[in-house]
N, C-alpha and C. Protein backbone atom coordinates (compact mmCIF):
# COMPACT_ATOMS: atom_id res chain seq x y z
N MET A 1 -30.81 -44.22 80.30
CA MET A 1 -29.72 -44.01 79.05
C MET A 1 -28.33 -44.43 79.80
N SER A 2 -27.46 -44.92 78.60
CA SER A 2 -26.31 -45.21 79.34
C SER A 2 -25.19 -44.28 78.96
N PHE A 3 -24.36 -44.12 79.96
CA PHE A 3 -23.07 -43.04 79.56
C PHE A 3 -22.64 -42.69 78.34
N ALA A 4 -22.65 -43.79 77.57
CA ALA A 4 -22.25 -43.73 76.11
C ALA A 4 -23.20 -42.91 75.24
N GLU A 5 -24.47 -43.10 75.47
CA GLU A 5 -25.56 -42.56 74.69
C GLU A 5 -25.63 -41.21 75.21
N TYR A 6 -25.34 -40.96 76.62
CA TYR A 6 -25.56 -39.75 77.31
C TYR A 6 -24.43 -38.72 76.38
N THR A 7 -23.09 -39.08 76.61
CA THR A 7 -22.24 -38.44 76.04
C THR A 7 -22.04 -38.15 74.51
N ARG A 8 -22.73 -39.12 73.50
CA ARG A 8 -22.91 -39.05 72.11
C ARG A 8 -24.02 -37.80 71.97
N GLY A 9 -24.87 -37.88 72.87
CA GLY A 9 -26.01 -36.85 72.70
C GLY A 9 -25.67 -35.46 72.99
N GLU A 10 -24.91 -35.28 74.29
CA GLU A 10 -24.29 -34.12 74.80
C GLU A 10 -23.20 -33.77 73.32
N ALA A 11 -22.54 -34.68 72.79
CA ALA A 11 -21.35 -33.91 71.69
C ALA A 11 -22.13 -33.61 70.38
N LEU A 12 -23.23 -34.44 70.07
CA LEU A 12 -24.22 -33.82 68.94
C LEU A 12 -24.76 -32.39 69.50
N LYS A 13 -25.26 -32.24 70.56
CA LYS A 13 -25.99 -31.14 70.95
C LYS A 13 -24.86 -29.77 70.88
N ASN A 14 -23.85 -30.36 71.35
CA ASN A 14 -22.45 -28.97 71.57
C ASN A 14 -22.11 -28.65 70.02
N ALA A 15 -21.79 -29.88 69.19
CA ALA A 15 -21.48 -29.48 67.83
C ALA A 15 -22.90 -28.92 67.31
N LYS A 16 -23.77 -28.94 67.44
CA LYS A 16 -25.03 -28.26 66.74
C LYS A 16 -24.66 -26.77 67.22
N ASN A 17 -24.80 -26.62 68.74
CA ASN A 17 -24.35 -25.25 69.29
C ASN A 17 -23.26 -24.72 68.78
N PHE A 18 -22.23 -25.22 68.58
CA PHE A 18 -20.96 -24.78 68.08
C PHE A 18 -21.04 -24.12 66.69
N LYS A 19 -21.66 -24.99 65.79
CA LYS A 19 -22.09 -24.67 64.31
C LYS A 19 -22.95 -23.35 64.32
N ILE A 20 -23.99 -23.44 65.33
CA ILE A 20 -24.78 -21.72 65.14
C ILE A 20 -23.94 -20.86 65.73
N LEU A 21 -22.95 -20.99 66.39
CA LEU A 21 -22.31 -20.10 67.47
C LEU A 21 -21.49 -19.48 65.89
N LEU A 22 -20.70 -20.29 65.46
CA LEU A 22 -19.89 -20.09 64.34
C LEU A 22 -20.32 -19.35 63.33
N PHE A 23 -21.65 -19.84 62.88
CA PHE A 23 -22.27 -19.00 61.83
C PHE A 23 -22.69 -17.52 62.08
N LEU A 24 -23.25 -17.63 63.35
CA LEU A 24 -23.54 -16.36 64.03
C LEU A 24 -22.25 -15.38 64.12
N SER A 25 -21.12 -15.91 64.37
CA SER A 25 -20.22 -15.06 64.59
C SER A 25 -19.51 -14.83 62.81
N LEU A 26 -19.65 -15.57 61.93
CA LEU A 26 -19.02 -15.18 60.82
C LEU A 26 -20.15 -14.32 59.96
N TYR A 27 -21.29 -14.49 60.66
CA TYR A 27 -22.36 -13.48 59.86
C TYR A 27 -22.05 -12.22 60.06
N VAL A 28 -21.83 -11.87 61.63
CA VAL A 28 -21.59 -10.76 62.30
C VAL A 28 -20.60 -9.92 61.64
N PHE A 29 -19.51 -10.78 61.68
CA PHE A 29 -17.91 -10.26 61.16
C PHE A 29 -18.21 -9.86 59.70
N VAL A 30 -18.83 -10.66 58.96
CA VAL A 30 -18.96 -10.10 57.45
C VAL A 30 -20.02 -8.82 57.43
N HIS A 31 -20.91 -8.67 58.02
CA HIS A 31 -21.93 -7.42 57.98
C HIS A 31 -21.04 -6.40 58.96
N VAL A 32 -20.49 -6.52 59.76
CA VAL A 32 -19.64 -5.44 60.01
C VAL A 32 -18.71 -5.07 59.21
N PHE A 33 -17.64 -5.79 58.61
CA PHE A 33 -16.76 -5.41 57.63
C PHE A 33 -17.32 -4.60 56.47
N CYS A 34 -18.51 -5.24 56.02
CA CYS A 34 -18.96 -4.69 54.99
C CYS A 34 -19.73 -3.17 55.31
N ALA A 35 -20.14 -3.06 56.35
CA ALA A 35 -20.43 -1.94 57.01
C ALA A 35 -19.37 -0.92 56.94
N PHE A 36 -18.09 -1.37 57.59
CA PHE A 36 -16.98 -0.48 57.72
C PHE A 36 -16.69 -0.14 56.17
N ALA A 37 -16.64 -1.17 55.33
CA ALA A 37 -16.24 -0.82 53.79
C ALA A 37 -17.12 0.03 53.06
N ASP A 38 -18.28 0.04 53.68
CA ASP A 38 -19.49 1.08 52.91
C ASP A 38 -19.28 2.53 53.44
N GLU A 39 -18.81 2.59 54.75
CA GLU A 39 -18.36 4.01 54.77
C GLU A 39 -17.01 4.54 53.97
N LEU A 40 -16.46 3.63 53.50
CA LEU A 40 -15.29 4.12 52.89
C LEU A 40 -15.49 4.37 51.05
N LEU A 41 -16.64 3.93 50.98
CA LEU A 41 -17.18 3.97 49.24
C LEU A 41 -17.60 5.58 49.00
N LEU A 42 -16.49 5.90 47.95
CA LEU A 42 -17.02 7.40 47.57
C LEU A 42 -17.68 7.08 46.11
N PRO A 43 -18.76 8.07 45.96
CA PRO A 43 -19.20 8.14 44.66
C PRO A 43 -18.25 8.83 43.52
N ALA A 44 -18.26 8.43 42.46
CA ALA A 44 -17.62 9.14 41.27
C ALA A 44 -17.08 10.46 41.57
N GLN A 45 -17.95 11.24 41.72
CA GLN A 45 -17.85 12.70 41.83
C GLN A 45 -17.04 13.12 43.18
N GLU A 46 -17.25 12.24 44.21
CA GLU A 46 -16.62 12.58 45.70
C GLU A 46 -15.42 12.18 45.28
N ALA A 47 -15.27 11.24 44.63
CA ALA A 47 -13.75 10.37 44.39
C ALA A 47 -13.02 11.54 43.55
N GLN A 48 -13.66 11.94 42.56
CA GLN A 48 -12.82 13.33 41.79
C GLN A 48 -12.61 14.29 42.81
N ALA A 49 -13.44 14.68 43.61
CA ALA A 49 -13.08 15.93 44.34
C ALA A 49 -11.88 15.56 45.17
N LEU A 50 -11.69 14.29 45.92
CA LEU A 50 -10.44 13.91 46.64
C LEU A 50 -9.55 14.27 46.03
N ILE A 51 -9.44 13.49 44.74
CA ILE A 51 -8.12 13.69 43.63
C ILE A 51 -7.60 15.01 43.49
N GLU A 52 -9.01 15.82 43.57
CA GLU A 52 -8.65 17.29 43.11
C GLU A 52 -7.91 18.03 44.16
N GLN A 53 -8.44 17.70 45.25
CA GLN A 53 -7.99 18.29 46.73
C GLN A 53 -6.54 17.89 46.97
N ASN A 54 -6.23 16.66 46.40
CA ASN A 54 -4.92 15.99 46.82
C ASN A 54 -4.09 16.27 45.37
N LYS A 55 -4.22 17.08 44.71
CA LYS A 55 -3.10 17.22 43.38
C LYS A 55 -1.83 17.72 44.23
N GLY A 56 -1.01 17.11 43.53
CA GLY A 56 0.55 17.55 44.09
C GLY A 56 0.75 17.00 45.70
N ASN A 57 0.39 16.36 46.15
CA ASN A 57 0.36 15.54 47.85
C ASN A 57 0.92 14.36 47.44
N ASP A 58 2.37 14.33 47.80
CA ASP A 58 2.98 13.12 47.68
C ASP A 58 2.43 11.98 48.52
N LYS A 59 1.41 12.26 49.46
CA LYS A 59 0.65 11.38 50.53
C LYS A 59 -0.33 11.00 49.89
N PHE A 60 -0.75 10.97 48.79
CA PHE A 60 -2.06 10.41 48.31
C PHE A 60 -1.82 9.70 47.08
N VAL A 61 -2.30 8.62 47.11
CA VAL A 61 -1.89 7.54 46.03
C VAL A 61 -3.33 7.13 45.49
N ILE A 62 -3.37 7.05 43.97
CA ILE A 62 -4.52 6.41 43.37
C ILE A 62 -4.01 4.99 43.06
N LEU A 63 -4.70 3.78 43.37
CA LEU A 63 -4.08 2.29 43.02
C LEU A 63 -5.38 1.87 42.04
N ASP A 64 -4.96 1.54 40.84
CA ASP A 64 -5.58 0.88 39.73
C ASP A 64 -5.43 -0.88 40.09
N LEU A 65 -6.45 -1.61 40.49
CA LEU A 65 -6.26 -2.62 41.14
C LEU A 65 -6.25 -4.07 39.77
N ARG A 66 -6.62 -3.50 38.57
CA ARG A 66 -7.02 -4.01 37.53
C ARG A 66 -5.63 -4.87 36.88
N SER A 67 -5.99 -5.75 36.04
CA SER A 67 -4.69 -6.14 35.14
C SER A 67 -4.22 -5.04 34.70
N PRO A 68 -2.81 -5.11 34.08
CA PRO A 68 -1.81 -4.33 33.17
C PRO A 68 -2.67 -3.84 32.03
N ASP A 69 -3.34 -4.85 31.35
CA ASP A 69 -3.98 -4.58 29.90
C ASP A 69 -5.08 -3.71 30.24
N GLU A 70 -5.91 -3.89 31.17
CA GLU A 70 -6.92 -3.00 31.40
C GLU A 70 -6.66 -1.58 32.00
N TYR A 71 -5.50 -1.69 32.57
CA TYR A 71 -4.96 -0.13 32.91
C TYR A 71 -4.48 0.44 31.49
N ARG A 72 -3.90 -0.17 30.67
CA ARG A 72 -3.50 0.52 29.45
C ARG A 72 -4.26 1.14 28.59
N GLN A 73 -5.53 0.21 28.66
CA GLN A 73 -6.81 0.75 28.20
C GLN A 73 -7.18 1.96 28.48
N ARG A 74 -7.51 1.92 29.76
CA ARG A 74 -8.10 3.17 30.34
C ARG A 74 -7.80 3.17 31.93
N HIS A 75 -7.25 4.59 32.39
CA HIS A 75 -7.42 4.48 33.50
C HIS A 75 -7.47 6.04 34.31
N ILE A 76 -7.54 6.21 35.29
CA ILE A 76 -7.55 7.45 35.74
C ILE A 76 -6.35 8.19 35.76
N GLU A 77 -6.20 9.38 35.65
CA GLU A 77 -4.87 10.01 35.45
C GLU A 77 -4.19 10.06 36.73
N GLY A 78 -2.76 9.60 36.74
CA GLY A 78 -2.37 9.92 37.92
C GLY A 78 -2.15 8.33 38.95
N ALA A 79 -3.06 7.16 38.51
CA ALA A 79 -3.19 6.19 39.07
C ALA A 79 -1.84 5.15 38.48
N ARG A 80 -1.56 4.60 39.63
CA ARG A 80 -0.60 3.32 39.54
C ARG A 80 -1.25 2.26 39.50
N SER A 81 -0.67 1.35 38.75
CA SER A 81 -1.49 -0.15 38.24
C SER A 81 -0.48 -1.05 39.37
N VAL A 82 -1.40 -1.58 40.12
CA VAL A 82 -0.60 -2.86 41.06
C VAL A 82 -2.06 -3.75 40.90
N ASN A 83 -1.80 -4.86 40.33
CA ASN A 83 -2.99 -5.69 39.88
C ASN A 83 -3.18 -6.57 41.38
N TYR A 84 -4.46 -6.48 41.75
CA TYR A 84 -4.95 -7.44 42.86
C TYR A 84 -4.36 -8.70 42.72
N TYR A 85 -4.46 -9.34 41.67
CA TYR A 85 -4.63 -10.98 41.39
C TYR A 85 -3.05 -11.26 41.18
N ALA A 86 -2.31 -10.45 40.94
CA ALA A 86 -0.82 -10.64 40.72
C ALA A 86 -0.36 -10.96 42.04
N THR A 87 0.79 -12.08 41.98
CA THR A 87 1.37 -13.01 43.13
C THR A 87 2.02 -12.12 44.09
N ASN A 88 2.64 -10.82 43.63
CA ASN A 88 3.42 -9.78 44.53
C ASN A 88 2.43 -8.67 44.86
N PHE A 89 1.28 -8.82 44.72
CA PHE A 89 0.42 -7.84 45.11
C PHE A 89 0.96 -7.08 46.81
N GLN A 90 0.67 -8.07 47.72
CA GLN A 90 1.10 -7.68 49.11
C GLN A 90 2.52 -6.94 49.05
N ARG A 91 3.45 -7.60 48.29
CA ARG A 91 4.89 -6.81 48.53
C ARG A 91 4.85 -5.58 47.97
N MET A 92 4.03 -5.54 46.72
CA MET A 92 4.06 -4.05 46.02
C MET A 92 3.24 -3.09 46.79
N VAL A 93 2.03 -3.43 47.49
CA VAL A 93 1.54 -2.59 48.38
C VAL A 93 2.17 -2.29 49.85
N SER A 94 2.96 -3.17 50.17
CA SER A 94 3.91 -2.92 51.53
C SER A 94 4.98 -1.68 51.06
N LEU A 95 5.26 -1.40 50.07
CA LEU A 95 6.28 -0.68 49.91
C LEU A 95 5.59 0.84 49.78
N LEU A 96 4.38 0.95 49.62
CA LEU A 96 3.98 2.44 49.75
C LEU A 96 3.72 2.91 51.37
N ASP A 97 3.62 4.25 51.40
CA ASP A 97 3.67 4.46 52.77
C ASP A 97 2.19 4.60 53.62
N ARG A 98 2.16 3.94 54.62
CA ARG A 98 1.34 3.71 55.43
C ARG A 98 0.37 4.86 55.94
N ASP A 99 1.07 5.80 55.90
CA ASP A 99 0.37 7.27 56.53
C ASP A 99 -0.19 7.83 55.26
N ALA A 100 -0.14 7.23 54.02
CA ALA A 100 -0.64 7.99 52.68
C ALA A 100 -2.32 7.68 52.90
N THR A 101 -2.86 8.74 52.17
CA THR A 101 -4.40 8.67 52.04
C THR A 101 -4.50 7.74 50.45
N ILE A 102 -5.20 6.82 50.43
CA ILE A 102 -5.20 5.97 49.10
C ILE A 102 -6.52 5.74 48.51
N LEU A 103 -6.67 5.93 47.25
CA LEU A 103 -7.89 5.81 46.65
C LEU A 103 -7.87 4.55 45.74
N LEU A 104 -8.42 3.44 45.79
CA LEU A 104 -8.86 2.37 45.48
C LEU A 104 -9.66 2.22 44.38
N TYR A 105 -9.53 1.73 43.27
CA TYR A 105 -10.49 1.31 42.64
C TYR A 105 -10.08 0.10 41.42
N CYS A 106 -11.07 -0.97 41.03
CA CYS A 106 -11.07 -1.89 39.97
C CYS A 106 -12.13 -1.50 38.95
N GLN A 107 -12.47 -2.57 38.17
CA GLN A 107 -13.43 -2.66 37.28
C GLN A 107 -14.84 -2.19 37.78
N LYS A 108 -15.21 -2.69 38.83
CA LYS A 108 -16.99 -2.70 39.16
C LYS A 108 -16.88 -2.36 41.06
N GLY A 109 -15.83 -2.60 41.57
CA GLY A 109 -15.55 -2.37 42.96
C GLY A 109 -15.40 -3.82 43.72
N ARG A 110 -15.22 -4.97 43.42
CA ARG A 110 -15.22 -5.91 43.88
C ARG A 110 -13.74 -6.61 44.38
N GLN A 111 -12.83 -5.89 43.71
CA GLN A 111 -11.47 -6.44 44.04
C GLN A 111 -11.00 -5.22 45.01
N SER A 112 -11.40 -4.00 44.64
CA SER A 112 -11.07 -3.00 45.88
C SER A 112 -11.46 -3.24 47.23
N THR A 113 -12.67 -3.88 47.29
CA THR A 113 -13.13 -4.44 48.90
C THR A 113 -11.89 -5.50 49.39
N LEU A 114 -11.94 -6.32 48.62
CA LEU A 114 -10.68 -7.58 48.89
C LEU A 114 -9.34 -6.83 49.27
N ALA A 115 -8.84 -5.84 48.40
CA ALA A 115 -7.41 -5.13 48.74
C ALA A 115 -7.84 -4.31 49.87
N LEU A 116 -8.54 -3.75 50.16
CA LEU A 116 -8.99 -2.83 51.49
C LEU A 116 -8.78 -3.75 52.66
N ARG A 117 -9.29 -4.77 52.61
CA ARG A 117 -9.01 -5.89 53.89
C ARG A 117 -7.67 -6.06 53.61
N ALA A 118 -7.08 -6.45 52.98
CA ALA A 118 -5.58 -7.03 52.73
C ALA A 118 -4.92 -5.93 53.09
N MET A 119 -4.89 -4.70 52.57
CA MET A 119 -4.13 -3.71 53.15
C MET A 119 -4.32 -3.00 54.37
N THR A 120 -5.48 -3.36 55.06
CA THR A 120 -5.88 -3.11 56.41
C THR A 120 -4.92 -3.79 57.48
N LYS A 121 -4.91 -5.00 57.05
CA LYS A 121 -3.86 -6.03 57.74
C LYS A 121 -2.66 -5.75 57.88
N LEU A 122 -2.24 -5.06 56.55
CA LEU A 122 -0.75 -4.69 56.37
C LEU A 122 -0.39 -3.10 57.21
N GLY A 123 -1.71 -2.51 57.70
CA GLY A 123 -1.38 -1.32 58.61
C GLY A 123 -1.94 0.06 57.50
N PHE A 124 -2.26 -0.12 56.66
CA PHE A 124 -2.96 1.08 55.98
C PHE A 124 -4.21 1.77 56.93
N SER A 125 -4.30 2.56 56.99
CA SER A 125 -5.49 3.40 57.83
C SER A 125 -6.69 4.09 56.89
N ARG A 126 -5.93 4.96 55.96
CA ARG A 126 -6.51 6.15 55.50
C ARG A 126 -7.00 5.59 53.83
N MET A 127 -7.99 4.98 53.38
CA MET A 127 -8.17 4.19 52.24
C MET A 127 -9.63 4.50 51.78
N TYR A 128 -9.96 4.62 50.63
CA TYR A 128 -11.27 5.07 50.40
C TYR A 128 -11.29 4.14 49.11
N ILE A 129 -12.70 3.52 48.58
CA ILE A 129 -12.84 2.81 47.11
C ILE A 129 -13.54 3.69 46.50
N LEU A 130 -13.49 3.58 45.13
CA LEU A 130 -14.24 4.28 44.23
C LEU A 130 -15.57 3.60 43.83
N ASP A 131 -16.50 3.75 44.40
CA ASP A 131 -17.87 2.85 44.35
C ASP A 131 -18.18 2.60 43.10
N GLY A 132 -18.17 1.45 42.86
CA GLY A 132 -18.67 1.16 41.50
C GLY A 132 -17.44 1.10 40.44
N GLY A 133 -16.34 1.15 40.85
CA GLY A 133 -15.05 1.17 39.93
C GLY A 133 -15.02 2.23 38.76
N ILE A 134 -14.29 1.73 37.96
CA ILE A 134 -13.76 2.65 36.59
C ILE A 134 -15.20 2.73 35.92
N ASP A 135 -16.16 1.51 35.79
CA ASP A 135 -17.48 1.50 35.43
C ASP A 135 -18.08 2.95 35.43
N GLU A 136 -17.95 3.06 36.91
CA GLU A 136 -19.09 4.18 37.51
C GLU A 136 -18.27 5.53 37.02
N TRP A 137 -17.14 5.76 37.13
CA TRP A 137 -16.27 6.80 36.52
C TRP A 137 -16.71 7.01 35.38
N VAL A 138 -16.50 6.29 34.32
CA VAL A 138 -16.78 6.30 33.01
C VAL A 138 -18.34 6.87 32.69
N ARG A 139 -19.00 6.09 33.72
CA ARG A 139 -20.68 6.37 33.41
C ARG A 139 -20.83 8.19 33.94
N ALA A 140 -20.25 8.56 34.86
CA ALA A 140 -20.44 9.77 35.25
C ALA A 140 -19.51 10.89 34.42
N GLY A 141 -19.04 10.23 33.32
CA GLY A 141 -18.31 11.06 32.47
C GLY A 141 -17.18 11.98 32.97
N LEU A 142 -16.62 11.38 33.82
CA LEU A 142 -15.45 11.54 34.41
C LEU A 142 -14.21 11.57 33.46
N PRO A 143 -12.97 12.49 33.69
CA PRO A 143 -11.82 12.42 32.47
C PRO A 143 -11.11 11.12 32.98
N LEU A 144 -10.46 10.44 31.88
CA LEU A 144 -9.47 9.39 31.79
C LEU A 144 -8.22 9.85 31.40
N ALA A 145 -6.91 9.24 31.71
CA ALA A 145 -5.82 9.31 31.24
C ALA A 145 -5.79 9.07 29.61
N GLU A 146 -4.93 9.88 28.85
CA GLU A 146 -4.82 9.64 27.54
C GLU A 146 -4.32 8.08 27.50
N PRO A 147 -4.63 7.39 26.50
CA PRO A 147 -3.60 5.96 26.66
C PRO A 147 -2.32 6.29 25.61
């Protein structure tokens, strides 16, 4: 075997090992983050209890991450509208108190997990997600703000 064949063979072997290591690292990261997010999921009844416990608390914020139109149609009383897909999302949440307790919700829960990740990077630490989003809130028969 020549030197060129040996180095090419070693390079291919190392590239394959690198891909496997990269895949395993990403797999672990995603599962650890999802497990972390799962701990922060609140069923609708628990989210309502959290809201009730924090009535009048300036350090408690409910964020509706859906579009402004969806927010106008129906939302949880006291929620602030901060569209996750808006170009100014990070700037808007940066204005919030990082020591506040924050309840995040969207339609079904997908944007909430993404927002949680973005807000964690911004230094927020006390956040919860309404499991199943506003759809689950409505299914549980919990009250909404008057339109």
